[in-house]
Amino acid sequence: MEWLSVLWFVLIAVLWIGYLTLEGFDFGVGMLLKWLPKNERERRVTLNSIGPHWDGNEVWLLTAGGAMFAAFPEWYATLFSGAYLALFVILLALIVRICAIEWRPKIRDEKWRRRWDVAHTISAWTPAVLWGVAFANLVQGMKIEVLDRATGAVVAPDAVASSLATSSHQLTGGFFSLITPYTLLGGLVTASLCLMGGAIFLALKTEGDIQRRAGDLAAQFSMIATVLAAIFVVWGQLAYSANAVGWIPLVIAALALVGTVVATSKRREGWAFLSYVVTMVAAVAWIFISMFPSVMKSSIDDAYSLTIAQASSTPYTLKVMSFVALGLVPVVLIYQGWTYWVFRKRISTKQISNEPAGLPLAESTKH
């Protein structure tokens, strides 16, 4: 393997870490939207807590997808063609979520707002679960084979290396091969981590009754997430990972989750959020370590696994990408860090106007 290929594998892991960590608590806030706030002003506080951040957090997904496409086109093609339906559902949910956030305050009508709140909640739960299913498949391995492009015949495992010029990796198991007990557990793990992160973030960013209720939920969700995540990573490390170094992020994630449980029980929101971030960083790092040196593992035969070397772009492409990333990524990081600093203060219902937002329904229909 070229060292640039390994470097970009690590950089893509970092991009996914950023996305799942930051968007994770965004999803969690949306998942709680219909039942944590007790009235309209509390719902507006809930939405305002992520208002300055949610669209910036989604940039990490766009960058991760673009980097996969440019640095590892074979990985991108195999994953997005094989898991097309699941990824389409995630994309649709993200689009609906954007509409729900942006359009909710436009019309001053209770039914209008209630419908968009339902859409927001569903569109937050959907990717929170499906991303877990997707990454659990990368850990477990997928029903991937190498097929000859001309005939569509399956290449024998011992002939893969000599036939890659005329063949390609394909997910041959179909959509339902992605659904297994382990991948379903992965969906539960990511959902519980997002709920935990969302509750902690709300407890950190709000004041009053909603802060107390969010703190109570954070303490409960942290215990649930700890149990589910422990089962998931230990099962994956023992059954599907050949890399002993994977125990390092696994242990870090376990300690961070314990720290989250302790911090939420003592209502130390800042420490709890820091522990949540460390948990997500370590957990996603463990996923990529468990895959290495493959980008997609085959559950049929190891010879069919798509390796970093096989999926990589040319060294020249990776070199150009590295120079671009070196110049632009620090700018993005500084800007996003600045936004979190500027909007670091807590918010409460006292800051929400008694006047409902948006145009009256009758007036809006005239336009």
Protein backbone atom coordinates (compact mmCIF):
# COMPACT_ATOMS: atom_id res chain seq x y z
CA MET A 1 0.00 0.00 0.00
CA GLU A 2 1.12 3.51 -0.81
CA TRP A 3 1.44 5.62 2.34
CA LEU A 4 -0.82 8.27 0.80
CA SER A 5 -3.59 5.67 0.49
CA VAL A 6 -3.29 4.84 4.18
CA LEU A 7 -3.18 8.54 5.03
CA TRP A 8 -6.44 9.16 3.18
CA PHE A 9 -8.05 6.15 4.82
CA VAL A 10 -7.21 7.79 8.15
CA LEU A 11 -8.42 11.21 6.98
CA ILE A 12 -11.74 9.75 5.84
CA ALA A 13 -12.06 8.10 9.25
CA VAL A 14 -11.49 11.53 10.82
CA LEU A 15 -14.20 13.07 8.63
CA TRP A 16 -16.69 10.38 9.65
CA ILE A 17 -15.70 10.87 13.28
CA GLY A 18 -16.47 14.59 12.94
CA TYR A 19 -19.80 13.94 11.23
CA LEU A 20 -21.13 11.23 13.54
CA THR A 21 -19.99 13.07 16.67
CA LEU A 22 -21.41 16.49 15.79
CA GLU A 23 -24.45 15.38 13.83
CA GLY A 24 -25.09 12.74 16.48
CA PHE A 25 -26.27 15.21 19.10
CA ASP A 26 -28.18 17.12 16.38
CA PHE A 27 -30.07 13.94 15.60
CA GLY A 28 -30.59 13.36 19.31
CA VAL A 29 -32.20 16.77 19.77
CA GLY A 30 -34.54 16.06 16.85
CA MET A 31 -35.36 12.60 18.22
CA LEU A 32 -36.45 14.25 21.49
CA LEU A 33 -38.39 17.10 19.87
CA LYS A 34 -41.89 15.62 20.15
CA TRP A 35 -41.81 14.51 23.77
CA LEU A 36 -39.17 16.41 25.78
CA PRO A 37 -40.51 19.99 25.29
CA LYS A 38 -43.86 20.57 26.97
CA ASN A 39 -45.02 23.65 25.07
CA GLU A 40 -44.29 25.77 22.00
CA ARG A 41 -41.73 28.01 23.71
CA GLU A 42 -39.77 24.99 24.92
CA ARG A 43 -39.87 23.49 21.43
CA ARG A 44 -38.44 26.72 20.05
CA VAL A 45 -35.70 26.62 22.68
CA THR A 46 -34.95 23.02 21.67
CA LEU A 47 -34.66 23.95 18.00
CA ASN A 48 -32.69 27.12 18.74
CA SER A 49 -30.09 25.07 20.63
CA ILE A 50 -28.96 23.45 17.36
CA GLY A 51 -29.95 26.32 15.08
CA PRO A 52 -26.45 27.78 14.61
CA HIS A 53 -24.77 24.39 14.19
CA TRP A 54 -26.81 21.73 12.40
CA ASP A 55 -26.08 22.80 8.81
CA GLY A 56 -22.37 23.24 9.53
CA ASN A 57 -22.28 19.76 11.02
CA GLU A 58 -23.64 18.30 7.78
CA VAL A 59 -20.61 19.65 5.91
CA TRP A 60 -18.64 16.77 7.44
CA LEU A 61 -20.87 14.28 5.62
CA LEU A 62 -20.48 16.03 2.29
CA THR A 63 -16.71 16.16 2.74
CA ALA A 64 -16.50 12.51 3.81
CA GLY A 65 -18.54 11.39 0.79
CA GLY A 66 -16.52 13.55 -1.58
CA ALA A 67 -13.24 12.31 -0.14
CA MET A 68 -14.34 8.68 -0.52
CA PHE A 69 -15.32 9.34 -4.14
CA ALA A 70 -12.00 10.99 -5.01
CA ALA A 71 -9.56 8.97 -2.90
CA PHE A 72 -11.21 5.53 -3.11
CA PRO A 73 -13.55 5.42 -6.12
CA GLU A 74 -13.88 1.63 -5.99
CA TRP A 75 -14.96 1.84 -2.35
CA TYR A 76 -17.49 4.56 -3.17
CA ALA A 77 -18.88 2.62 -6.15
CA THR A 78 -19.17 -0.69 -4.32
CA LEU A 79 -20.75 0.77 -1.20
CA PHE A 80 -23.18 3.19 -2.85
CA SER A 81 -24.34 0.74 -5.51
CA GLY A 82 -24.70 -2.19 -3.12
CA ALA A 83 -26.41 -0.28 -0.30
CA TYR A 84 -28.23 2.12 -2.62
CA LEU A 85 -31.70 1.78 -1.08
CA ALA A 86 -30.52 2.27 2.52
CA LEU A 87 -28.38 5.27 1.59
CA PHE A 88 -31.24 6.75 -0.44
CA VAL A 89 -33.52 6.52 2.61
CA ILE A 90 -30.87 8.30 4.70
CA LEU A 91 -30.52 11.04 2.08
CA LEU A 92 -34.29 11.47 1.88
CA ALA A 93 -34.50 11.74 5.67
CA LEU A 94 -31.76 14.39 5.72
CA ILE A 95 -33.61 16.43 3.07
CA VAL A 96 -36.90 16.21 4.99
CA ARG A 97 -35.08 17.23 8.17
CA ILE A 98 -33.73 20.34 6.46
CA CYS A 99 -37.21 21.27 5.29
CA ALA A 100 -38.63 20.69 8.76
CA ILE A 101 -36.07 22.97 10.41
CA GLU A 102 -36.25 25.72 7.80
CA TRP A 103 -39.99 25.74 7.05
CA ARG A 104 -41.43 25.23 10.53
CA PRO A 105 -41.22 28.91 11.61
CA LYS A 106 -42.50 30.30 8.31
CA ILE A 107 -46.23 29.84 9.01
CA ARG A 108 -48.03 30.82 12.21
CA ASP A 109 -50.28 27.77 12.42
CA GLU A 110 -50.30 25.04 15.06
CA LYS A 111 -51.06 22.20 12.63
CA TRP A 112 -48.29 23.38 10.30
CA ARG A 113 -45.74 23.37 13.12
CA ARG A 114 -46.95 20.06 14.54
CA ARG A 115 -46.64 18.29 11.19
CA TRP A 116 -43.12 19.57 10.64
CA ASP A 117 -42.19 18.53 14.18
CA VAL A 118 -43.36 14.99 13.41
CA ALA A 119 -41.39 15.04 10.14
CA HIS A 120 -38.32 16.34 11.98
CA THR A 121 -38.54 13.62 14.61
CA ILE A 122 -38.94 10.81 12.07
CA SER A 123 -36.18 12.19 9.87
CA ALA A 124 -33.85 12.34 12.89
CA TRP A 125 -34.58 8.79 14.05
CA THR A 126 -34.13 7.30 10.57
CA PRO A 127 -30.45 8.17 9.92
CA ALA A 128 -29.59 7.71 13.60
CA VAL A 129 -30.57 4.05 13.25
CA LEU A 130 -29.50 3.42 9.65
CA TRP A 131 -25.98 4.83 10.06
CA GLY A 132 -25.47 2.27 12.83
CA VAL A 133 -26.70 -0.51 10.57
CA ALA A 134 -24.40 0.68 7.78
CA PHE A 135 -21.24 0.87 9.89
CA ALA A 136 -22.03 -2.44 11.59
CA ASN A 137 -22.01 -3.98 8.12
CA LEU A 138 -18.54 -2.58 7.52
CA VAL A 139 -17.37 -4.23 10.74
CA GLN A 140 -19.16 -7.53 10.16
CA GLY A 141 -18.47 -7.75 6.45
CA MET A 142 -20.92 -7.80 3.56
CA LYS A 143 -21.76 -10.44 0.97
CA ILE A 144 -19.24 -9.13 -1.54
CA GLU A 145 -17.85 -11.09 -4.49
CA VAL A 146 -15.64 -10.22 -7.45
CA LEU A 147 -17.49 -10.45 -10.77
CA ASP A 148 -16.12 -10.43 -14.29
CA ARG A 149 -17.40 -7.28 -16.03
CA ALA A 150 -17.91 -8.94 -19.40
CA THR A 151 -19.69 -12.14 -18.35
CA GLY A 152 -20.94 -11.39 -14.84
CA ALA A 153 -19.41 -14.65 -13.62
CA VAL A 154 -17.99 -14.91 -10.12
CA VAL A 155 -14.19 -14.94 -10.09
CA ALA A 156 -12.61 -17.76 -8.08
CA PRO A 157 -11.02 -16.53 -4.82
CA ASP A 158 -7.53 -17.61 -5.88
CA ALA A 159 -7.85 -15.72 -9.18
CA VAL A 160 -8.94 -12.35 -7.77
CA ALA A 161 -5.50 -10.73 -7.79
CA SER A 162 -4.89 -11.50 -11.47
CA SER A 163 -8.36 -10.52 -12.68
CA LEU A 164 -8.94 -7.09 -11.08
CA ALA A 165 -8.28 -5.29 -14.36
CA THR A 166 -11.36 -6.91 -15.93
CA SER A 167 -13.55 -7.41 -12.87
CA SER A 168 -15.08 -5.45 -10.00
CA HIS A 169 -16.27 -5.95 -6.43
CA GLN A 170 -20.04 -6.26 -6.12
CA LEU A 171 -22.47 -6.66 -3.24
CA THR A 172 -24.30 -9.80 -4.39
CA GLY A 173 -26.31 -10.54 -1.26
CA GLY A 174 -29.02 -7.96 -1.89
CA PHE A 175 -30.61 -5.46 0.49
CA PHE A 176 -31.78 -7.97 3.10
CA SER A 177 -28.29 -9.39 3.49
CA LEU A 178 -27.50 -6.11 5.27
CA ILE A 179 -29.97 -6.98 8.05
CA THR A 180 -28.49 -9.29 10.68
CA PRO A 181 -28.68 -9.41 14.50
CA TYR A 182 -25.34 -7.64 14.71
CA THR A 183 -26.29 -4.82 12.32
CA LEU A 184 -29.64 -4.32 14.05
CA LEU A 185 -27.74 -4.00 17.32
CA GLY A 186 -25.55 -1.42 15.59
CA GLY A 187 -28.66 0.60 14.78
CA LEU A 188 -29.78 0.48 18.41
CA VAL A 189 -26.31 1.56 19.55
CA THR A 190 -26.16 4.64 17.34
CA ALA A 191 -29.74 5.58 18.23
CA SER A 192 -28.98 5.34 21.96
CA LEU A 193 -25.74 7.32 21.57
CA CYS A 194 -27.56 10.04 19.62
CA LEU A 195 -30.31 10.22 22.25
CA MET A 196 -27.66 10.45 24.95
CA GLY A 197 -25.74 13.13 23.07
CA GLY A 198 -28.89 15.12 22.31
CA ALA A 199 -30.07 15.06 25.93
CA ILE A 200 -26.62 16.06 27.19
CA PHE A 201 -26.39 18.90 24.67
CA LEU A 202 -29.81 20.22 25.68
CA ALA A 203 -28.85 20.03 29.36
CA LEU A 204 -25.69 21.95 28.49
CA LYS A 205 -27.35 24.61 26.33
CA THR A 206 -30.64 25.33 28.10
CA GLU A 207 -31.92 26.64 31.42
CA GLY A 208 -34.94 25.96 33.61
CA ASP A 209 -37.34 23.03 33.53
CA ILE A 210 -36.24 21.79 30.12
CA GLN A 211 -32.64 21.62 31.32
CA ARG A 212 -33.65 19.51 34.33
CA ARG A 213 -35.72 17.12 32.23
CA ALA A 214 -32.92 16.82 29.67
CA GLY A 215 -30.45 16.08 32.47
CA ASP A 216 -32.71 13.31 33.78
CA LEU A 217 -32.98 11.76 30.32
CA ALA A 218 -29.23 12.06 29.75
CA ALA A 219 -28.58 10.03 32.90
CA GLN A 220 -31.00 7.32 31.76
CA PHE A 221 -29.80 7.20 28.15
CA SER A 222 -26.14 7.08 29.18
CA MET A 223 -26.73 3.82 31.05
CA ILE A 224 -28.67 2.29 28.16
CA ALA A 225 -26.03 3.39 25.63
CA THR A 226 -23.23 1.99 27.81
CA VAL A 227 -24.78 -1.48 27.94
CA LEU A 228 -25.66 -1.62 24.23
CA ALA A 229 -22.31 -0.22 23.09
CA ALA A 230 -20.35 -2.61 25.31
CA ILE A 231 -22.12 -5.60 23.78
CA PHE A 232 -21.67 -4.23 20.25
CA VAL A 233 -17.94 -3.47 20.37
CA VAL A 234 -16.90 -6.55 22.33
CA TRP A 235 -18.95 -8.77 19.99
CA GLY A 236 -17.44 -7.05 16.96
CA GLN A 237 -13.88 -7.17 18.26
CA LEU A 238 -14.05 -10.86 19.14
CA ALA A 239 -16.05 -12.08 16.15
CA TYR A 240 -15.15 -9.79 13.25
CA SER A 241 -11.88 -7.93 13.91
CA ALA A 242 -8.44 -9.36 13.31
CA ASN A 243 -6.65 -6.27 14.63
CA ALA A 244 -5.60 -6.50 18.27
CA VAL A 245 -4.92 -2.74 18.28
CA GLY A 246 -8.70 -2.32 18.14
CA TRP A 247 -8.80 -3.00 21.88
CA ILE A 248 -7.22 0.41 22.51
CA PRO A 249 -10.12 2.59 21.23
CA LEU A 250 -12.53 0.00 22.61
CA VAL A 251 -11.19 0.49 26.14
CA ILE A 252 -11.12 4.29 25.69
CA ALA A 253 -14.76 4.26 24.57
CA ALA A 254 -15.72 2.10 27.55
CA LEU A 255 -14.02 4.43 30.02
CA ALA A 256 -15.57 7.47 28.38
CA LEU A 257 -19.04 5.93 28.61
CA VAL A 258 -18.52 5.22 32.29
CA GLY A 259 -17.42 8.83 32.66
CA THR A 260 -20.61 9.94 30.92
CA VAL A 261 -22.74 7.91 33.32
CA VAL A 262 -20.97 9.46 36.32
CA ALA A 263 -21.06 13.00 34.93
CA THR A 264 -24.75 12.89 33.99
CA SER A 265 -25.68 11.47 37.38
CA LYS A 266 -23.91 14.43 39.03
CA ARG A 267 -25.37 16.91 36.50
CA ARG A 268 -21.92 17.94 35.23
CA GLU A 269 -23.07 18.72 31.71
CA GLY A 270 -19.73 19.99 30.43
CA TRP A 271 -17.83 16.88 31.49
CA ALA A 272 -20.68 14.69 30.26
CA PHE A 273 -20.53 16.28 26.80
CA LEU A 274 -16.75 15.90 26.69
CA SER A 275 -17.14 12.21 27.61
CA TYR A 276 -19.75 11.83 24.87
CA VAL A 277 -17.34 13.31 22.31
CA VAL A 278 -14.52 10.98 23.42
CA THR A 279 -16.91 8.03 23.21
CA MET A 280 -17.90 8.83 19.63
CA VAL A 281 -14.32 9.48 18.54
CA ALA A 282 -13.09 6.20 20.02
CA ALA A 283 -16.05 4.17 18.75
CA VAL A 284 -15.74 5.35 15.14
CA ALA A 285 -11.95 4.92 15.30
CA TRP A 286 -12.55 1.33 16.42
CA ILE A 287 -14.82 0.72 13.41
CA PHE A 288 -12.14 1.83 10.94
CA ILE A 289 -9.40 -0.07 12.76
CA SER A 290 -11.51 -3.23 12.64
CA MET A 291 -11.81 -2.81 8.84
CA PHE A 292 -8.10 -2.21 8.14
CA PRO A 293 -6.46 -3.08 5.72
CA SER A 294 -9.78 -3.40 3.89
CA VAL A 295 -12.29 -0.66 3.18
CA MET A 296 -15.06 -3.24 2.74
CA LYS A 297 -14.78 -6.73 4.12
CA SER A 298 -16.39 -9.73 2.45
CA SER A 299 -18.28 -12.16 4.65
CA ILE A 300 -18.12 -14.78 1.87
CA ASP A 301 -14.35 -15.06 1.48
CA ASP A 302 -11.48 -12.82 2.62
CA ALA A 303 -10.13 -12.89 -0.93
CA TYR A 304 -13.18 -10.91 -2.03
CA SER A 305 -12.58 -8.12 0.46
CA LEU A 306 -11.92 -4.73 -1.11
CA THR A 307 -8.57 -3.55 0.23
CA ILE A 308 -7.20 -0.04 0.58
CA ALA A 309 -4.70 -0.70 -2.21
CA GLN A 310 -7.36 -2.05 -4.60
CA ALA A 311 -9.81 0.79 -3.97
CA SER A 312 -7.32 3.66 -4.03
CA SER A 313 -6.96 6.38 -6.65
CA THR A 314 -3.61 7.04 -8.29
CA PRO A 315 -0.77 8.51 -6.19
CA TYR A 316 -0.92 11.73 -8.20
CA THR A 317 -4.63 12.20 -7.40
CA LEU A 318 -4.00 11.59 -3.71
CA LYS A 319 -1.07 14.01 -3.73
CA VAL A 320 -3.18 16.82 -5.25
CA MET A 321 -5.98 16.10 -2.76
CA SER A 322 -3.49 16.28 0.10
CA PHE A 323 -2.34 19.78 -0.88
CA VAL A 324 -5.95 20.97 -1.18
CA ALA A 325 -6.89 19.45 2.18
CA LEU A 326 -3.83 20.96 3.84
CA GLY A 327 -4.97 24.42 2.81
CA LEU A 328 -8.73 24.23 3.30
CA VAL A 329 -9.41 21.86 6.21
CA PRO A 330 -7.79 24.13 8.87
CA VAL A 331 -9.98 27.01 7.66
CA VAL A 332 -13.14 24.90 8.04
CA LEU A 333 -12.09 23.70 11.50
CA ILE A 334 -11.30 27.22 12.71
CA TYR A 335 -14.57 28.59 11.38
CA GLN A 336 -16.69 25.83 12.91
CA GLY A 337 -14.88 26.12 16.23
CA TRP A 338 -15.55 29.87 16.15
CA THR A 339 -19.29 29.31 15.65
CA TYR A 340 -19.47 27.04 18.70
CA TRP A 341 -17.61 29.65 20.75
CA VAL A 342 -19.85 32.52 19.63
CA PHE A 343 -23.04 30.59 20.41
CA ARG A 344 -21.78 29.01 23.64
CA LYS A 345 -24.26 30.65 26.04
CA ARG A 346 -27.31 28.90 27.44
CA ILE A 347 -30.78 29.76 26.18
CA SER A 348 -34.14 29.66 27.95
CA THR A 349 -37.82 30.27 27.39
CA LYS A 350 -37.35 33.78 28.81
CA GLN A 351 -35.51 34.69 25.60
CA ILE A 352 -38.39 33.47 23.41
CA SER A 353 -40.90 36.11 22.35
CA ASN A 354 -44.54 35.62 23.28
CA GLU A 355 -45.40 36.54 19.72
CA PRO A 356 -45.56 33.39 17.55
CA ALA A 357 -43.17 33.35 14.61
CA GLY A 358 -44.18 33.31 10.97
CA LEU A 359 -46.98 34.64 8.80
CA PRO A 360 -50.60 33.84 9.63
CA LEU A 361 -51.85 30.94 7.53
CA ALA A 362 -54.51 33.01 5.75
CA GLU A 363 -51.99 35.71 4.82
CA SER A 364 -49.34 33.19 3.69
CA THR A 365 -51.74 31.64 1.16
CA LYS A 366 -52.09 35.01 -0.57
CA HIS A 367 -48.41 34.88 -1.50
